[in-house]
Amino acid sequence: MTDQALASAAATIIVRRVDYADPRDAQALVDLLDAYARDPAGGGTPLPGHVCAQLAQALQARPQAFSVIAWAQGKDGAEQPVGLVNCFEGFSTFACRPLVNIHDLAVLPAWRGRRVAQQMLARVEGIARERGACKLTLEVLQGNQPALRAYAREGFAGYTLDPAMGQAQFLQKLLD
């Protein structure tokens, strides 16, 4: 069944933690991340071959990493991956507790607007709570209004430590 046909059919969404050593999970992780990378919100460029070949193994080697995939299950029981969240545990020095950063969140276009992200975020929050995390963090592009609305519905907001200093911003410095 095609992605579009499955999306229009009654499908159940099942969100599971990724087993990086499982070939099916590893392939779904790469396929979903590549689809996101090709999307304008992900930069519009496919993942390089070495990333596709090494990603699952590299994530498995990092105990602070975890991912969840949303699987659409059709009436026949067949599953298709439709959404992905990659996370990394960090540390809040102000709270002296772990935090979980949502590094990637992607939902295939045919599945957007169906609350797939909401279900994945609930699973991520559960894992973060199990780890004793004090908060979830993420970054999102200003122009990605659907994602901003989805995140706001789930309780995400910009933050300030002192209103006189303004809202926090995410910056980067490329090293390659």
N, C-alpha and C. Protein backbone atom coordinates (compact mmCIF):
# COMPACT_ATOMS: atom_id res chain seq x y z
N MET A 1 0.85 -1.17 0.00
CA MET A 1 0.00 0.00 0.00
C MET A 1 0.89 1.23 0.00
N THR A 2 0.56 2.22 -0.81
CA THR A 2 1.37 3.43 -0.87
C THR A 2 1.17 4.27 0.38
N ASP A 3 2.11 5.18 0.62
CA ASP A 3 2.03 6.07 1.77
C ASP A 3 0.72 6.85 1.74
N GLN A 4 0.38 7.40 0.57
CA GLN A 4 -0.83 8.20 0.43
C GLN A 4 -2.07 7.35 0.69
N ALA A 5 -2.10 6.12 0.14
CA ALA A 5 -3.26 5.25 0.32
C ALA A 5 -3.41 4.84 1.78
N LEU A 6 -2.30 4.50 2.43
CA LEU A 6 -2.36 4.12 3.84
C LEU A 6 -2.81 5.30 4.69
N ALA A 7 -2.33 6.50 4.36
CA ALA A 7 -2.70 7.69 5.12
C ALA A 7 -4.18 7.98 5.01
N SER A 8 -4.77 7.69 3.84
CA SER A 8 -6.19 7.97 3.68
C SER A 8 -7.05 6.85 4.28
N ALA A 9 -6.48 5.67 4.47
CA ALA A 9 -7.19 4.55 5.08
C ALA A 9 -7.13 4.70 6.61
N ALA A 10 -7.98 3.95 7.27
CA ALA A 10 -7.94 3.95 8.73
C ALA A 10 -6.70 3.18 9.16
N ALA A 11 -5.78 3.86 9.78
CA ALA A 11 -4.55 3.23 10.25
C ALA A 11 -4.36 3.59 11.72
N THR A 12 -3.78 2.67 12.43
CA THR A 12 -3.44 2.89 13.83
C THR A 12 -1.99 3.31 13.90
N ILE A 13 -1.69 4.33 14.71
CA ILE A 13 -0.31 4.78 14.90
C ILE A 13 0.24 4.11 16.16
N ILE A 14 1.37 3.49 16.00
CA ILE A 14 2.07 2.84 17.11
C ILE A 14 3.45 3.50 17.20
N VAL A 15 3.80 4.00 18.37
CA VAL A 15 5.09 4.66 18.56
C VAL A 15 5.96 3.76 19.43
N ARG A 16 7.11 3.41 18.88
CA ARG A 16 8.05 2.55 19.60
C ARG A 16 9.44 3.16 19.60
N ARG A 17 10.16 2.84 20.66
CA ARG A 17 11.56 3.22 20.74
C ARG A 17 12.35 2.42 19.71
N VAL A 18 13.32 3.06 19.09
CA VAL A 18 14.13 2.42 18.06
C VAL A 18 15.17 1.51 18.69
N ASP A 19 15.29 0.32 18.14
CA ASP A 19 16.39 -0.59 18.46
C ASP A 19 17.40 -0.40 17.33
N TYR A 20 18.46 0.35 17.59
CA TYR A 20 19.44 0.69 16.55
C TYR A 20 20.09 -0.54 15.94
N ALA A 21 20.12 -1.67 16.67
CA ALA A 21 20.73 -2.90 16.16
C ALA A 21 19.78 -3.70 15.27
N ASP A 22 18.51 -3.37 15.28
CA ASP A 22 17.53 -4.08 14.47
C ASP A 22 17.56 -3.52 13.04
N PRO A 23 17.82 -4.35 12.04
CA PRO A 23 17.94 -3.84 10.66
C PRO A 23 16.69 -3.10 10.17
N ARG A 24 15.51 -3.58 10.55
CA ARG A 24 14.27 -2.90 10.12
C ARG A 24 14.17 -1.50 10.73
N ASP A 25 14.42 -1.40 12.03
CA ASP A 25 14.40 -0.10 12.70
C ASP A 25 15.48 0.81 12.13
N ALA A 26 16.68 0.28 11.92
CA ALA A 26 17.79 1.09 11.41
C ALA A 26 17.46 1.64 10.02
N GLN A 27 16.87 0.80 9.16
CA GLN A 27 16.51 1.27 7.82
C GLN A 27 15.41 2.31 7.87
N ALA A 28 14.41 2.10 8.73
CA ALA A 28 13.33 3.07 8.88
C ALA A 28 13.87 4.41 9.38
N LEU A 29 14.79 4.37 10.33
CA LEU A 29 15.41 5.58 10.87
C LEU A 29 16.09 6.36 9.74
N VAL A 30 16.88 5.69 8.94
CA VAL A 30 17.61 6.35 7.85
C VAL A 30 16.64 6.87 6.79
N ASP A 31 15.65 6.06 6.43
CA ASP A 31 14.69 6.48 5.40
C ASP A 31 13.92 7.72 5.84
N LEU A 32 13.46 7.73 7.09
CA LEU A 32 12.70 8.87 7.59
C LEU A 32 13.57 10.12 7.71
N LEU A 33 14.80 9.95 8.20
CA LEU A 33 15.68 11.11 8.33
C LEU A 33 16.07 11.65 6.95
N ASP A 34 16.28 10.76 5.99
CA ASP A 34 16.59 11.20 4.63
C ASP A 34 15.40 11.96 4.02
N ALA A 35 14.19 11.46 4.24
CA ALA A 35 13.01 12.17 3.74
C ALA A 35 12.93 13.57 4.36
N TYR A 36 13.24 13.67 5.64
CA TYR A 36 13.26 14.98 6.32
C TYR A 36 14.35 15.87 5.75
N ALA A 37 15.53 15.33 5.53
CA ALA A 37 16.64 16.12 4.98
C ALA A 37 16.29 16.66 3.59
N ARG A 38 15.53 15.91 2.82
CA ARG A 38 15.13 16.33 1.46
C ARG A 38 14.03 17.38 1.48
N ASP A 39 13.29 17.49 2.57
CA ASP A 39 12.21 18.45 2.72
C ASP A 39 12.80 19.86 2.91
N PRO A 40 12.13 20.90 2.43
CA PRO A 40 12.65 22.26 2.66
C PRO A 40 12.92 22.57 4.14
N ALA A 41 12.11 22.03 5.05
CA ALA A 41 12.33 22.27 6.49
C ALA A 41 13.59 21.59 6.99
N GLY A 42 14.07 20.58 6.26
CA GLY A 42 15.29 19.87 6.64
C GLY A 42 16.51 20.26 5.83
N GLY A 43 16.38 21.27 4.99
CA GLY A 43 17.50 21.76 4.20
C GLY A 43 17.41 21.45 2.71
N GLY A 44 16.54 20.50 2.32
CA GLY A 44 16.32 20.23 0.90
C GLY A 44 17.40 19.41 0.21
N THR A 45 18.26 18.74 0.98
CA THR A 45 19.37 17.96 0.41
C THR A 45 19.37 16.56 1.01
N PRO A 46 19.52 15.53 0.19
CA PRO A 46 19.55 14.17 0.74
C PRO A 46 20.74 13.96 1.66
N LEU A 47 20.61 12.99 2.55
CA LEU A 47 21.73 12.64 3.43
C LEU A 47 22.88 12.05 2.61
N PRO A 48 24.11 12.37 2.96
CA PRO A 48 25.25 11.73 2.29
C PRO A 48 25.26 10.22 2.54
N GLY A 49 25.84 9.48 1.62
CA GLY A 49 25.88 8.03 1.72
C GLY A 49 26.50 7.52 3.00
N HIS A 50 27.59 8.16 3.46
CA HIS A 50 28.23 7.68 4.68
C HIS A 50 27.33 7.86 5.90
N VAL A 51 26.48 8.89 5.90
CA VAL A 51 25.55 9.08 7.01
C VAL A 51 24.52 7.95 7.00
N CYS A 52 23.96 7.66 5.83
CA CYS A 52 22.99 6.58 5.72
C CYS A 52 23.59 5.25 6.18
N ALA A 53 24.83 5.00 5.82
CA ALA A 53 25.48 3.72 6.13
C ALA A 53 25.86 3.61 7.61
N GLN A 54 26.15 4.72 8.28
CA GLN A 54 26.73 4.66 9.62
C GLN A 54 25.83 5.17 10.74
N LEU A 55 24.71 5.79 10.42
CA LEU A 55 23.92 6.49 11.43
C LEU A 55 23.44 5.59 12.57
N ALA A 56 22.80 4.50 12.26
CA ALA A 56 22.25 3.65 13.33
C ALA A 56 23.35 3.16 14.26
N GLN A 57 24.46 2.73 13.69
CA GLN A 57 25.57 2.23 14.52
C GLN A 57 26.16 3.37 15.36
N ALA A 58 26.27 4.56 14.79
CA ALA A 58 26.82 5.70 15.54
C ALA A 58 25.89 6.09 16.69
N LEU A 59 24.59 6.06 16.46
CA LEU A 59 23.65 6.37 17.54
C LEU A 59 23.68 5.29 18.62
N GLN A 60 23.78 4.04 18.21
CA GLN A 60 23.84 2.94 19.17
C GLN A 60 25.05 3.07 20.10
N ALA A 61 26.14 3.65 19.60
CA ALA A 61 27.36 3.81 20.40
C ALA A 61 27.26 4.94 21.41
N ARG A 62 26.17 5.70 21.38
CA ARG A 62 26.00 6.84 22.28
C ARG A 62 24.87 6.56 23.26
N PRO A 63 25.19 6.24 24.51
CA PRO A 63 24.13 5.91 25.47
C PRO A 63 23.19 7.08 25.76
N GLN A 64 23.60 8.28 25.46
CA GLN A 64 22.74 9.44 25.70
C GLN A 64 21.74 9.65 24.57
N ALA A 65 21.84 8.87 23.48
CA ALA A 65 20.93 9.00 22.34
C ALA A 65 19.78 8.01 22.44
N PHE A 66 18.61 8.45 22.00
CA PHE A 66 17.48 7.54 21.79
C PHE A 66 16.58 8.13 20.72
N SER A 67 15.84 7.25 20.07
CA SER A 67 14.94 7.66 18.99
C SER A 67 13.63 6.91 19.14
N VAL A 68 12.57 7.50 18.60
CA VAL A 68 11.29 6.81 18.51
C VAL A 68 10.80 6.94 17.07
N ILE A 69 10.09 5.91 16.62
CA ILE A 69 9.48 5.93 15.30
C ILE A 69 7.99 5.68 15.47
N ALA A 70 7.20 6.44 14.70
CA ALA A 70 5.76 6.20 14.61
C ALA A 70 5.53 5.29 13.41
N TRP A 71 4.85 4.19 13.65
CA TRP A 71 4.52 3.21 12.61
C TRP A 71 3.01 3.27 12.37
N ALA A 72 2.62 3.39 11.10
CA ALA A 72 1.20 3.30 10.74
C ALA A 72 0.90 1.83 10.48
N GLN A 73 -0.05 1.31 11.20
CA GLN A 73 -0.42 -0.10 11.04
C GLN A 73 -1.78 -0.16 10.34
N GLY A 74 -1.78 -0.78 9.17
CA GLY A 74 -3.01 -0.94 8.41
C GLY A 74 -3.87 -2.04 8.99
N LYS A 75 -5.07 -2.18 8.43
CA LYS A 75 -6.01 -3.21 8.90
C LYS A 75 -5.45 -4.61 8.72
N ASP A 76 -4.52 -4.77 7.77
CA ASP A 76 -3.91 -6.08 7.53
C ASP A 76 -2.75 -6.36 8.47
N GLY A 77 -2.42 -5.40 9.36
CA GLY A 77 -1.34 -5.58 10.31
C GLY A 77 0.02 -5.12 9.81
N ALA A 78 0.11 -4.82 8.52
CA ALA A 78 1.38 -4.34 7.97
C ALA A 78 1.69 -2.95 8.53
N GLU A 79 2.97 -2.73 8.80
CA GLU A 79 3.40 -1.45 9.37
C GLU A 79 4.29 -0.70 8.39
N GLN A 80 4.16 0.62 8.43
CA GLN A 80 4.97 1.50 7.62
C GLN A 80 5.47 2.64 8.51
N PRO A 81 6.76 2.97 8.49
CA PRO A 81 7.25 4.08 9.31
C PRO A 81 6.78 5.42 8.74
N VAL A 82 6.24 6.29 9.61
CA VAL A 82 5.70 7.58 9.15
C VAL A 82 6.25 8.78 9.91
N GLY A 83 6.95 8.55 11.02
CA GLY A 83 7.48 9.67 11.78
C GLY A 83 8.66 9.25 12.63
N LEU A 84 9.52 10.21 12.93
CA LEU A 84 10.77 9.95 13.64
C LEU A 84 11.10 11.10 14.58
N VAL A 85 11.61 10.75 15.76
CA VAL A 85 12.19 11.74 16.67
C VAL A 85 13.54 11.18 17.15
N ASN A 86 14.60 11.97 16.97
CA ASN A 86 15.93 11.65 17.51
C ASN A 86 16.21 12.58 18.67
N CYS A 87 16.66 12.01 19.78
CA CYS A 87 16.88 12.77 21.01
C CYS A 87 18.25 12.49 21.60
N PHE A 88 18.74 13.46 22.36
CA PHE A 88 20.01 13.32 23.06
C PHE A 88 19.86 13.88 24.46
N GLU A 89 20.34 13.12 25.43
CA GLU A 89 20.33 13.60 26.80
C GLU A 89 21.47 14.58 27.00
N GLY A 90 21.15 15.70 27.59
CA GLY A 90 22.14 16.68 28.00
C GLY A 90 22.02 16.89 29.50
N PHE A 91 22.49 18.02 29.98
CA PHE A 91 22.48 18.27 31.42
C PHE A 91 22.20 19.73 31.68
N SER A 92 21.26 20.00 32.58
CA SER A 92 20.97 21.36 33.01
C SER A 92 21.76 21.65 34.27
N THR A 93 22.73 22.55 34.16
CA THR A 93 23.51 22.91 35.34
C THR A 93 22.66 23.69 36.34
N PHE A 94 21.70 24.49 35.86
CA PHE A 94 20.86 25.26 36.76
C PHE A 94 19.94 24.36 37.58
N ALA A 95 19.51 23.23 37.02
CA ALA A 95 18.64 22.30 37.74
C ALA A 95 19.41 21.12 38.32
N CYS A 96 20.66 20.93 37.88
CA CYS A 96 21.49 19.79 38.29
C CYS A 96 20.76 18.47 38.00
N ARG A 97 20.18 18.44 36.80
CA ARG A 97 19.44 17.26 36.34
C ARG A 97 19.62 17.11 34.84
N PRO A 98 19.37 15.92 34.34
CA PRO A 98 19.42 15.75 32.88
C PRO A 98 18.31 16.54 32.20
N LEU A 99 18.51 16.81 30.91
CA LEU A 99 17.48 17.35 30.05
C LEU A 99 17.52 16.51 28.78
N VAL A 100 16.46 16.55 28.00
CA VAL A 100 16.43 15.82 26.73
C VAL A 100 16.20 16.83 25.62
N ASN A 101 17.15 16.83 24.67
CA ASN A 101 17.02 17.69 23.50
C ASN A 101 16.46 16.87 22.34
N ILE A 102 15.39 17.37 21.78
CA ILE A 102 14.81 16.77 20.57
C ILE A 102 15.58 17.37 19.41
N HIS A 103 16.44 16.55 18.82
CA HIS A 103 17.32 17.05 17.76
C HIS A 103 16.64 17.03 16.40
N ASP A 104 15.86 15.99 16.11
CA ASP A 104 15.12 15.89 14.85
C ASP A 104 13.71 15.43 15.17
N LEU A 105 12.74 16.04 14.52
CA LEU A 105 11.38 15.55 14.56
C LEU A 105 10.84 15.66 13.14
N ALA A 106 10.45 14.54 12.57
CA ALA A 106 9.99 14.52 11.19
C ALA A 106 8.76 13.63 11.06
N VAL A 107 7.81 14.09 10.26
CA VAL A 107 6.63 13.32 9.92
C VAL A 107 6.50 13.38 8.40
N LEU A 108 6.30 12.22 7.76
CA LEU A 108 6.15 12.20 6.31
C LEU A 108 4.98 13.10 5.89
N PRO A 109 5.11 13.78 4.75
CA PRO A 109 4.08 14.76 4.34
C PRO A 109 2.64 14.23 4.36
N ALA A 110 2.40 13.02 3.90
CA ALA A 110 1.04 12.48 3.87
C ALA A 110 0.45 12.28 5.26
N TRP A 111 1.28 12.31 6.28
CA TRP A 111 0.84 12.04 7.65
C TRP A 111 0.79 13.29 8.51
N ARG A 112 1.19 14.43 7.97
CA ARG A 112 1.15 15.68 8.75
C ARG A 112 -0.29 16.09 9.00
N GLY A 113 -0.50 16.74 10.15
CA GLY A 113 -1.84 17.18 10.51
C GLY A 113 -2.69 16.08 11.14
N ARG A 114 -2.10 14.93 11.43
CA ARG A 114 -2.83 13.80 12.00
C ARG A 114 -2.39 13.51 13.43
N ARG A 115 -1.68 14.44 14.04
CA ARG A 115 -1.22 14.33 15.43
C ARG A 115 -0.21 13.20 15.65
N VAL A 116 0.52 12.84 14.59
CA VAL A 116 1.59 11.86 14.73
C VAL A 116 2.69 12.42 15.63
N ALA A 117 3.05 13.69 15.41
CA ALA A 117 4.07 14.33 16.25
C ALA A 117 3.65 14.33 17.71
N GLN A 118 2.38 14.59 17.98
CA GLN A 118 1.87 14.60 19.35
C GLN A 118 2.12 13.25 20.02
N GLN A 119 1.84 12.18 19.32
CA GLN A 119 2.03 10.85 19.89
C GLN A 119 3.51 10.54 20.13
N MET A 120 4.36 10.96 19.18
CA MET A 120 5.79 10.74 19.38
C MET A 120 6.31 11.58 20.53
N LEU A 121 5.87 12.83 20.63
CA LEU A 121 6.32 13.69 21.73
C LEU A 121 5.89 13.13 23.08
N ALA A 122 4.72 12.53 23.15
CA ALA A 122 4.27 11.91 24.41
C ALA A 122 5.21 10.77 24.80
N ARG A 123 5.61 9.98 23.83
CA ARG A 123 6.55 8.87 24.12
C ARG A 123 7.90 9.40 24.56
N VAL A 124 8.39 10.44 23.86
CA VAL A 124 9.67 11.06 24.23
C VAL A 124 9.58 11.62 25.65
N GLU A 125 8.48 12.28 25.97
CA GLU A 125 8.33 12.83 27.32
C GLU A 125 8.36 11.72 28.36
N GLY A 126 7.74 10.60 28.08
CA GLY A 126 7.77 9.47 29.00
C GLY A 126 9.19 8.96 29.23
N ILE A 127 9.96 8.84 28.16
CA ILE A 127 11.35 8.40 28.28
C ILE A 127 12.17 9.43 29.06
N ALA A 128 11.93 10.71 28.79
CA ALA A 128 12.65 11.78 29.50
C ALA A 128 12.34 11.73 31.00
N ARG A 129 11.10 11.50 31.33
CA ARG A 129 10.73 11.40 32.75
C ARG A 129 11.39 10.18 33.40
N GLU A 130 11.46 9.06 32.67
CA GLU A 130 12.14 7.87 33.19
C GLU A 130 13.61 8.18 33.48
N ARG A 131 14.21 9.05 32.69
CA ARG A 131 15.61 9.42 32.87
C ARG A 131 15.79 10.51 33.93
N GLY A 132 14.70 11.00 34.49
CA GLY A 132 14.78 12.05 35.51
C GLY A 132 15.03 13.43 34.93
N ALA A 133 14.71 13.63 33.65
CA ALA A 133 14.97 14.91 33.00
C ALA A 133 14.07 16.01 33.55
N CYS A 134 14.61 17.21 33.58
CA CYS A 134 13.87 18.36 34.07
C CYS A 134 13.12 19.09 32.97
N LYS A 135 13.52 18.86 31.71
CA LYS A 135 12.84 19.54 30.61
C LYS A 135 13.20 18.89 29.28
N LEU A 136 12.37 19.22 28.28
CA LEU A 136 12.63 18.89 26.88
C LEU A 136 12.99 20.18 26.17
N THR A 137 13.95 20.12 25.27
CA THR A 137 14.30 21.28 24.46
C THR A 137 14.25 20.87 22.99
N LEU A 138 14.09 21.87 22.13
CA LEU A 138 14.14 21.63 20.69
C LEU A 138 14.40 22.94 19.98
N GLU A 139 14.75 22.82 18.71
CA GLU A 139 14.90 23.99 17.85
C GLU A 139 13.94 23.84 16.69
N VAL A 140 13.47 24.95 16.17
CA VAL A 140 12.55 24.93 15.03
C VAL A 140 12.78 26.20 14.23
N LEU A 141 12.65 26.10 12.91
CA LEU A 141 12.82 27.26 12.05
C LEU A 141 11.61 28.19 12.19
N GLN A 142 11.86 29.49 12.19
CA GLN A 142 10.80 30.49 12.35
C GLN A 142 9.69 30.32 11.32
N GLY A 143 10.04 29.94 10.11
CA GLY A 143 9.05 29.83 9.04
C GLY A 143 8.23 28.55 9.07
N ASN A 144 8.54 27.63 9.97
CA ASN A 144 7.82 26.36 10.04
C ASN A 144 6.62 26.52 10.98
N GLN A 145 5.63 27.27 10.51
CA GLN A 145 4.47 27.59 11.34
C GLN A 145 3.68 26.36 11.78
N PRO A 146 3.48 25.35 10.91
CA PRO A 146 2.75 24.16 11.40
C PRO A 146 3.47 23.49 12.58
N ALA A 147 4.79 23.39 12.50
CA ALA A 147 5.54 22.79 13.61
C ALA A 147 5.46 23.66 14.86
N LEU A 148 5.57 24.96 14.70
CA LEU A 148 5.47 25.86 15.85
C LEU A 148 4.12 25.71 16.54
N ARG A 149 3.04 25.61 15.75
CA ARG A 149 1.71 25.42 16.34
C ARG A 149 1.63 24.08 17.07
N ALA A 150 2.18 23.03 16.45
CA ALA A 150 2.15 21.71 17.08
C ALA A 150 2.93 21.72 18.39
N TYR A 151 4.10 22.34 18.40
CA TYR A 151 4.90 22.39 19.62
C TYR A 151 4.20 23.21 20.70
N ALA A 152 3.58 24.32 20.32
CA ALA A 152 2.86 25.14 21.31
C ALA A 152 1.72 24.33 21.93
N ARG A 153 1.00 23.55 21.12
CA ARG A 153 -0.08 22.71 21.66
C ARG A 153 0.44 21.72 22.69
N GLU A 154 1.70 21.31 22.53
CA GLU A 154 2.29 20.33 23.44
C GLU A 154 3.03 20.98 24.61
N GLY A 155 2.93 22.31 24.73
CA GLY A 155 3.50 22.99 25.89
C GLY A 155 4.88 23.60 25.70
N PHE A 156 5.42 23.54 24.49
CA PHE A 156 6.73 24.15 24.23
C PHE A 156 6.57 25.65 24.02
N ALA A 157 7.54 26.41 24.51
CA ALA A 157 7.53 27.86 24.36
C ALA A 157 8.96 28.37 24.44
N GLY A 158 9.19 29.55 23.88
CA GLY A 158 10.48 30.19 24.05
C GLY A 158 10.71 30.47 25.52
N TYR A 159 11.96 30.68 25.89
CA TYR A 159 12.19 30.94 27.30
C TYR A 159 13.15 32.11 27.51
N THR A 160 13.00 32.69 28.69
CA THR A 160 13.87 33.76 29.14
C THR A 160 14.28 33.45 30.57
N LEU A 161 15.45 33.89 30.93
CA LEU A 161 15.87 33.81 32.33
C LEU A 161 15.52 35.10 33.04
N ASP A 162 15.68 36.21 32.33
CA ASP A 162 15.34 37.55 32.82
C ASP A 162 14.72 38.29 31.65
N PRO A 163 13.47 38.71 31.75
CA PRO A 163 12.82 39.38 30.62
C PRO A 163 13.61 40.57 30.06
N ALA A 164 14.38 41.24 30.90
CA ALA A 164 15.18 42.37 30.43
C ALA A 164 16.28 41.91 29.47
N MET A 165 16.68 40.64 29.57
CA MET A 165 17.74 40.11 28.69
C MET A 165 17.18 39.50 27.41
N GLY A 166 15.87 39.32 27.33
CA GLY A 166 15.25 38.80 26.11
C GLY A 166 15.18 37.28 26.08
N GLN A 167 14.66 36.79 24.95
CA GLN A 167 14.45 35.36 24.76
C GLN A 167 15.72 34.67 24.29
N ALA A 168 15.90 33.44 24.73
CA ALA A 168 17.05 32.64 24.32
C ALA A 168 17.02 32.40 22.82
N GLN A 169 18.19 32.30 22.20
CA GLN A 169 18.31 32.01 20.78
C GLN A 169 19.25 30.84 20.59
N PHE A 170 19.01 30.07 19.53
CA PHE A 170 19.86 28.93 19.20
C PHE A 170 20.84 29.37 18.12
N LEU A 171 22.13 29.18 18.34
CA LEU A 171 23.17 29.57 17.39
C LEU A 171 24.02 28.35 17.04
N GLN A 172 24.75 28.44 15.96
CA GLN A 172 25.68 27.35 15.60
C GLN A 172 26.97 27.92 15.04
N LYS A 173 28.01 27.13 15.12
CA LYS A 173 29.29 27.40 14.49
C LYS A 173 29.74 26.09 13.86
N LEU A 174 29.80 26.04 12.54
CA LEU A 174 30.21 24.83 11.84
C LEU A 174 31.71 24.62 12.00
N LEU A 175 32.11 23.38 12.21
CA LEU A 175 33.52 23.06 12.42
C LEU A 175 34.17 22.38 11.23
N ASP A 176 33.42 22.04 10.20
CA ASP A 176 33.99 21.41 9.01
C ASP A 176 33.96 22.37 7.84
